[in-house]
Amino acid sequence: ELFVIPIGLLVAVAARLTQPVRPWARPIAVT
């Protein structure tokens, strides 16, 4: 799980930088 958490947070950052899925960024980080 300690490997999954940083990958998920990187995905949240990538979602924040990508316009079509920007609304997913905060829910991805929180989840």
All heavy atoms as atom14 arrays in JSON, in Angstrom:
{
  "sequence": "ELFVIPIGLLVAVAARLTQPVRPWARPIAVT",
  "atom14_mask": [
    [1, 1, 1, 1, 1, 1, 1, 1, 1, 0, 0, 0, 0, 0],
    [1, 1, 1, 1, 1, 1, 1, 1, 0, 0, 0, 0, 0, 0],
    [1, 1, 1, 1, 1, 1, 1, 1, 1, 1, 1, 0, 0, 0],
    [1, 1, 1, 1, 1, 1, 1, 0, 0, 0, 0, 0, 0, 0],
    [1, 1, 1, 1, 1, 1, 1, 1, 0, 0, 0, 0, 0, 0],
    [1, 1, 1, 1, 1, 1, 1, 0, 0, 0, 0, 0, 0, 0],
    [1, 1, 1, 1, 1, 1, 1, 1, 0, 0, 0, 0, 0, 0],
    [1, 1, 1, 1, 0, 0, 0, 0, 0, 0, 0, 0, 0, 0],
    [1, 1, 1, 1, 1, 1, 1, 1, 0, 0, 0, 0, 0, 0],
    [1, 1, 1, 1, 1, 1, 1, 1, 0, 0, 0, 0, 0, 0],
    [1, 1, 1, 1, 1, 1, 1, 0, 0, 0, 0, 0, 0, 0],
    [1, 1, 1, 1, 1, 0, 0, 0, 0, 0, 0, 0, 0, 0],
    [1, 1, 1, 1, 1, 1, 1, 0, 0, 0, 0, 0, 0, 0],
    [1, 1, 1, 1, 1, 0, 0, 0, 0, 0, 0, 0, 0, 0],
    [1, 1, 1, 1, 1, 0, 0, 0, 0, 0, 0, 0, 0, 0],
    [1, 1, 1, 1, 1, 1, 1, 1, 1, 1, 1, 0, 0, 0],
    [1, 1, 1, 1, 1, 1, 1, 1, 0, 0, 0, 0, 0, 0],
    [1, 1, 1, 1, 1, 1, 1, 0, 0, 0, 0, 0, 0, 0],
    [1, 1, 1, 1, 1, 1, 1, 1, 1, 0, 0, 0, 0, 0],
    [1, 1, 1, 1, 1, 1, 1, 0, 0, 0, 0, 0, 0, 0],
    [1, 1, 1, 1, 1, 1, 1, 0, 0, 0, 0, 0, 0, 0],
    [1, 1, 1, 1, 1, 1, 1, 1, 1, 1, 1, 0, 0, 0],
    [1, 1, 1, 1, 1, 1, 1, 0, 0, 0, 0, 0, 0, 0],
    [1, 1, 1, 1, 1, 1, 1, 1, 1, 1, 1, 1, 1, 1],
    [1, 1, 1, 1, 1, 0, 0, 0, 0, 0, 0, 0, 0, 0],
    [1, 1, 1, 1, 1, 1, 1, 1, 1, 1, 1, 0, 0, 0],
    [1, 1, 1, 1, 1, 1, 1, 0, 0, 0, 0, 0, 0, 0],
    [1, 1, 1, 1, 1, 1, 1, 1, 0, 0, 0, 0, 0, 0],
    [1, 1, 1, 1, 1, 0, 0, 0, 0, 0, 0, 0, 0, 0],
    [1, 1, 1, 1, 1, 1, 1, 0, 0, 0, 0, 0, 0, 0],
    [1, 1, 1, 1, 1, 1, 1, 0, 0, 0, 0, 0, 0, 0]
  ],
  "atom14_positions": [
    [[0.83, -1.21, 0.0], [0.0, 0.0, 0.0], [0.86, 1.26, 0.0], [0.48, 2.27, -0.58], [-0.92, -0.01, 1.23], [-1.87, 1.13, 1.27], [-2.9, 1.11, 0.15], [-3.24, 0.05, -0.36], [-3.37, 2.21, -0.21], [0.0, 0.0, 0.0], [0.0, 0.0, 0.0], [0.0, 0.0, 0.0], [0.0, 0.0, 0.0], [0.0, 0.0, 0.0]],
    [[2.04, 1.18, 0.61], [2.92, 2.35, 0.61], [3.47, 2.66, -0.77], [3.97, 3.76, -1.01], [4.08, 2.13, 1.6], [3.67, 2.08, 3.06], [4.88, 1.81, 3.94], [2.99, 3.36, 3.48], [0.0, 0.0, 0.0], [0.0, 0.0, 0.0], [0.0, 0.0, 0.0], [0.0, 0.0, 0.0], [0.0, 0.0, 0.0], [0.0, 0.0, 0.0]],
    [[3.39, 1.72, -1.7], [3.73, 2.0, -3.09], [2.52, 2.54, -3.85], [2.68, 3.31, -4.8], [4.25, 0.74, -3.79], [5.62, 0.34, -3.36], [5.81, -0.71, -2.48], [6.72, 1.02, -3.83], [7.07, -1.07, -2.08], [8.0, 0.67, -3.43], [8.17, -0.38, -2.55], [0.0, 0.0, 0.0], [0.0, 0.0, 0.0], [0.0, 0.0, 0.0]],
    [[1.33, 2.14, -3.46], [0.12, 2.56, -4.16], [-0.18, 4.03, -3.88], [-0.62, 4.77, -4.77], [-1.07, 1.66, -3.76], [-2.38, 2.2, -4.29], [-0.84, 0.25, -4.25], [0.0, 0.0, 0.0], [0.0, 0.0, 0.0], [0.0, 0.0, 0.0], [0.0, 0.0, 0.0], [0.0, 0.0, 0.0], [0.0, 0.0, 0.0], [0.0, 0.0, 0.0]],
    [[0.04, 4.48, -2.65], [-0.31, 5.86, -2.27], [0.43, 6.9, -3.11], [-0.21, 7.79, -3.68], [-0.08, 6.08, -0.76], [-1.08, 5.24, 0.04], [-0.24, 7.55, -0.4], [-0.81, 5.21, 1.52], [0.0, 0.0, 0.0], [0.0, 0.0, 0.0], [0.0, 0.0, 0.0], [0.0, 0.0, 0.0], [0.0, 0.0, 0.0], [0.0, 0.0, 0.0]],
    [[1.78, 6.84, -3.24], [2.44, 7.87, -4.07], [2.01, 7.83, -5.54], [1.88, 8.88, -6.17], [3.93, 7.56, -3.94], [4.06, 6.7, -2.76], [2.76, 5.99, -2.59], [0.0, 0.0, 0.0], [0.0, 0.0, 0.0], [0.0, 0.0, 0.0], [0.0, 0.0, 0.0], [0.0, 0.0, 0.0], [0.0, 0.0, 0.0], [0.0, 0.0, 0.0]],
    [[1.76, 6.64, -6.04], [1.31, 6.54, -7.44], [-0.06, 7.21, -7.59], [-0.3, 7.94, -8.54], [1.28, 5.06, -7.89], [2.71, 4.51, -7.96], [0.56, 4.91, -9.22], [2.79, 3.02, -8.17], [0.0, 0.0, 0.0], [0.0, 0.0, 0.0], [0.0, 0.0, 0.0], [0.0, 0.0, 0.0], [0.0, 0.0, 0.0], [0.0, 0.0, 0.0]],
    [[-0.95, 6.98, -6.63], [-2.26, 7.62, -6.67], [-2.17, 9.13, -6.58], [-2.91, 9.85, -7.26], [0.0, 0.0, 0.0], [0.0, 0.0, 0.0], [0.0, 0.0, 0.0], [0.0, 0.0, 0.0], [0.0, 0.0, 0.0], [0.0, 0.0, 0.0], [0.0, 0.0, 0.0], [0.0, 0.0, 0.0], [0.0, 0.0, 0.0], [0.0, 0.0, 0.0]],
    [[-1.26, 9.63, -5.76], [-1.1, 11.08, -5.65], [-0.5, 11.67, -6.92], [-0.85, 12.78, -7.32], [-0.27, 11.43, -4.42], [-0.94, 11.09, -3.08], [-0.01, 11.39, -1.93], [-2.25, 11.82, -2.92], [0.0, 0.0, 0.0], [0.0, 0.0, 0.0], [0.0, 0.0, 0.0], [0.0, 0.0, 0.0], [0.0, 0.0, 0.0], [0.0, 0.0, 0.0]],
    [[0.4, 10.94, -7.56], [0.93, 11.4, -8.85], [-0.16, 11.43, -9.92], [-0.2, 12.33, -10.76], [2.09, 10.52, -9.3], [3.4, 10.7, -8.55], [4.42, 9.66, -9.0], [3.95, 12.1, -8.74], [0.0, 0.0, 0.0], [0.0, 0.0, 0.0], [0.0, 0.0, 0.0], [0.0, 0.0, 0.0], [0.0, 0.0, 0.0], [0.0, 0.0, 0.0]],
    [[-1.05, 10.45, -9.88], [-2.18, 10.44, -10.81], [-3.09, 11.64, -10.55], [-3.6, 12.26, -11.48], [-2.95, 9.11, -10.71], [-4.28, 9.17, -11.45], [-2.1, 7.97, -11.24], [0.0, 0.0, 0.0], [0.0, 0.0, 0.0], [0.0, 0.0, 0.0], [0.0, 0.0, 0.0], [0.0, 0.0, 0.0], [0.0, 0.0, 0.0], [0.0, 0.0, 0.0]],
    [[-3.26, 12.0, -9.27], [-4.08, 13.17, -8.94], [-3.45, 14.45, -9.49], [-4.15, 15.32, -10.01], [-4.27, 13.28, -7.43], [0.0, 0.0, 0.0], [0.0, 0.0, 0.0], [0.0, 0.0, 0.0], [0.0, 0.0, 0.0], [0.0, 0.0, 0.0], [0.0, 0.0, 0.0], [0.0, 0.0, 0.0], [0.0, 0.0, 0.0], [0.0, 0.0, 0.0]],
    [[-2.13, 14.56, -9.4], [-1.44, 15.73, -9.95], [-1.59, 15.75, -11.48], [-1.86, 16.8, -12.07], [0.04, 15.74, -9.54], [0.83, 16.78, -10.31], [0.17, 15.98, -8.04], [0.0, 0.0, 0.0], [0.0, 0.0, 0.0], [0.0, 0.0, 0.0], [0.0, 0.0, 0.0], [0.0, 0.0, 0.0], [0.0, 0.0, 0.0], [0.0, 0.0, 0.0]],
    [[-1.44, 14.59, -12.1], [-1.6, 14.52, -13.56], [-3.02, 14.87, -13.97], [-3.23, 15.55, -14.98], [-1.23, 13.12, -14.06], [0.0, 0.0, 0.0], [0.0, 0.0, 0.0], [0.0, 0.0, 0.0], [0.0, 0.0, 0.0], [0.0, 0.0, 0.0], [0.0, 0.0, 0.0], [0.0, 0.0, 0.0], [0.0, 0.0, 0.0], [0.0, 0.0, 0.0]],
    [[-4.01, 14.45, -13.19], [-5.4, 14.79, -13.49], [-5.63, 16.29, -13.34], [-6.38, 16.89, -14.11], [-6.35, 14.01, -12.58], [0.0, 0.0, 0.0], [0.0, 0.0, 0.0], [0.0, 0.0, 0.0], [0.0, 0.0, 0.0], [0.0, 0.0, 0.0], [0.0, 0.0, 0.0], [0.0, 0.0, 0.0], [0.0, 0.0, 0.0], [0.0, 0.0, 0.0]],
    [[-4.97, 16.89, -12.36], [-5.11, 18.34, -12.16], [-4.55, 19.12, -13.35], [-5.05, 20.18, -13.7], [-4.37, 18.74, -10.87], [-4.41, 20.19, -10.57], [-5.78, 20.61, -10.11], [-5.78, 22.03, -9.79], [-6.74, 22.86, -10.11], [-7.81, 22.42, -10.73], [-6.67, 24.12, -9.8], [0.0, 0.0, 0.0], [0.0, 0.0, 0.0], [0.0, 0.0, 0.0]],
    [[-3.52, 18.58, -13.98], [-2.88, 19.26, -15.11], [-3.55, 18.96, -16.45], [-3.21, 19.57, -17.45], [-1.4, 18.87, -15.18], [-0.56, 19.26, -13.95], [0.84, 18.72, -14.08], [-0.56, 20.76, -13.76], [0.0, 0.0, 0.0], [0.0, 0.0, 0.0], [0.0, 0.0, 0.0], [0.0, 0.0, 0.0], [0.0, 0.0, 0.0], [0.0, 0.0, 0.0]],
    [[-4.48, 18.01, -16.45], [-5.17, 17.62, -17.69], [-6.59, 18.17, -17.66], [-7.37, 17.84, -16.77], [-5.19, 16.08, -17.81], [-3.87, 15.59, -17.67], [-5.75, 15.66, -19.14], [0.0, 0.0, 0.0], [0.0, 0.0, 0.0], [0.0, 0.0, 0.0], [0.0, 0.0, 0.0], [0.0, 0.0, 0.0], [0.0, 0.0, 0.0], [0.0, 0.0, 0.0]],
    [[-6.91, 18.98, -18.63], [-8.19, 19.7, -18.63], [-9.42, 18.79, -18.59], [-10.31, 19.04, -17.79], [-8.24, 20.63, -19.84], [-9.48, 21.48, -19.89], [-9.6, 22.41, -18.69], [-8.61, 22.92, -18.18], [-10.82, 22.63, -18.23], [0.0, 0.0, 0.0], [0.0, 0.0, 0.0], [0.0, 0.0, 0.0], [0.0, 0.0, 0.0], [0.0, 0.0, 0.0]],
    [[-9.52, 17.73, -19.41], [-10.79, 16.98, -19.41], [-11.1, 16.28, -18.08], [-12.26, 16.07, -17.76], [-10.6, 15.94, -20.51], [-9.49, 16.44, -21.35], [-8.63, 17.27, -20.46], [0.0, 0.0, 0.0], [0.0, 0.0, 0.0], [0.0, 0.0, 0.0], [0.0, 0.0, 0.0], [0.0, 0.0, 0.0], [0.0, 0.0, 0.0], [0.0, 0.0, 0.0]],
    [[-10.09, 15.9, -17.32], [-10.34, 15.16, -16.08], [-9.93, 15.97, -14.84], [-9.71, 15.41, -13.78], [-9.61, 13.79, -16.1], [-10.26, 12.87, -17.1], [-8.14, 13.95, -16.35], [0.0, 0.0, 0.0], [0.0, 0.0, 0.0], [0.0, 0.0, 0.0], [0.0, 0.0, 0.0], [0.0, 0.0, 0.0], [0.0, 0.0, 0.0], [0.0, 0.0, 0.0]],
    [[-9.85, 17.26, -14.99], [-9.47, 18.12, -13.85], [-10.4, 17.95, -12.65], [-9.92, 17.93, -11.51], [-9.42, 19.57, -14.28], [-8.96, 20.49, -13.16], [-8.66, 21.85, -13.65], [-7.37, 21.79, -14.35], [-6.88, 22.77, -15.06], [-7.54, 23.89, -15.18], [-5.71, 22.65, -15.65], [0.0, 0.0, 0.0], [0.0, 0.0, 0.0], [0.0, 0.0, 0.0]],
    [[-11.71, 17.77, -12.82], [-12.57, 17.57, -11.64], [-12.27, 16.29, -10.86], [-12.72, 16.13, -9.74], [-13.99, 17.52, -12.22], [-13.9, 18.21, -13.52], [-12.51, 17.94, -14.03], [0.0, 0.0, 0.0], [0.0, 0.0, 0.0], [0.0, 0.0, 0.0], [0.0, 0.0, 0.0], [0.0, 0.0, 0.0], [0.0, 0.0, 0.0], [0.0, 0.0, 0.0]],
    [[-11.52, 15.36, -11.44], [-11.18, 14.12, -10.75], [-10.04, 14.29, -9.76], [-9.83, 13.42, -8.92], [-10.77, 13.06, -11.75], [-11.83, 12.53, -12.63], [-13.13, 12.96, -12.71], [-11.7, 11.49, -13.58], [-13.8, 12.24, -13.65], [-12.95, 11.32, -14.2], [-10.67, 10.67, -13.97], [-13.18, 10.37, -15.17], [-10.89, 9.72, -14.93], [-12.13, 9.57, -15.54]],
    [[-9.28, 15.36, -9.84], [-8.03, 15.48, -9.08], [-8.26, 15.39, -7.57], [-7.6, 14.6, -6.89], [-7.32, 16.78, -9.44], [0.0, 0.0, 0.0], [0.0, 0.0, 0.0], [0.0, 0.0, 0.0], [0.0, 0.0, 0.0], [0.0, 0.0, 0.0], [0.0, 0.0, 0.0], [0.0, 0.0, 0.0], [0.0, 0.0, 0.0], [0.0, 0.0, 0.0]],
    [[-9.13, 16.2, -7.03], [-9.35, 16.2, -5.58], [-9.94, 14.87, -5.09], [-9.46, 14.32, -4.1], [-10.23, 17.36, -5.17], [-10.37, 17.45, -3.65], [-11.11, 18.68, -3.19], [-10.29, 19.85, -3.51], [-10.78, 21.01, -3.92], [-12.07, 21.15, -4.06], [-9.99, 22.02, -4.18], [0.0, 0.0, 0.0], [0.0, 0.0, 0.0], [0.0, 0.0, 0.0]],
    [[-10.97, 14.3, -5.76], [-11.48, 13.0, -5.29], [-10.44, 11.89, -5.37], [-10.42, 11.01, -4.5], [-12.65, 12.71, -6.23], [-13.08, 14.03, -6.73], [-11.85, 14.88, -6.79], [0.0, 0.0, 0.0], [0.0, 0.0, 0.0], [0.0, 0.0, 0.0], [0.0, 0.0, 0.0], [0.0, 0.0, 0.0], [0.0, 0.0, 0.0], [0.0, 0.0, 0.0]],
    [[-9.57, 11.93, -6.38], [-8.52, 10.92, -6.46], [-7.57, 11.06, -5.28], [-7.22, 10.06, -4.63], [-7.76, 11.03, -7.8], [-8.63, 10.55, -8.95], [-6.46, 10.22, -7.75], [-8.02, 10.76, -10.33], [0.0, 0.0, 0.0], [0.0, 0.0, 0.0], [0.0, 0.0, 0.0], [0.0, 0.0, 0.0], [0.0, 0.0, 0.0], [0.0, 0.0, 0.0]],
    [[-7.17, 12.27, -4.96], [-6.24, 12.49, -3.85], [-6.87, 12.08, -2.51], [-6.25, 11.39, -1.7], [-5.79, 13.94, -3.81], [0.0, 0.0, 0.0], [0.0, 0.0, 0.0], [0.0, 0.0, 0.0], [0.0, 0.0, 0.0], [0.0, 0.0, 0.0], [0.0, 0.0, 0.0], [0.0, 0.0, 0.0], [0.0, 0.0, 0.0], [0.0, 0.0, 0.0]],
    [[-8.11, 12.49, -2.28], [-8.77, 12.18, -1.01], [-9.0, 10.67, -0.88], [-8.75, 10.08, 0.18], [-10.11, 12.96, -0.91], [-10.94, 12.47, 0.26], [-9.83, 14.43, -0.78], [0.0, 0.0, 0.0], [0.0, 0.0, 0.0], [0.0, 0.0, 0.0], [0.0, 0.0, 0.0], [0.0, 0.0, 0.0], [0.0, 0.0, 0.0], [0.0, 0.0, 0.0]],
    [[-9.47, 10.02, -1.95], [-9.72, 8.58, -1.9], [-8.42, 7.81, -1.74], [-8.38, 6.8, -1.03], [-10.45, 8.13, -3.18], [-11.64, 8.91, -3.31], [-10.8, 6.67, -3.12], [0.0, 0.0, 0.0], [0.0, 0.0, 0.0], [0.0, 0.0, 0.0], [0.0, 0.0, 0.0], [0.0, 0.0, 0.0], [0.0, 0.0, 0.0], [0.0, 0.0, 0.0]]
  ]
}
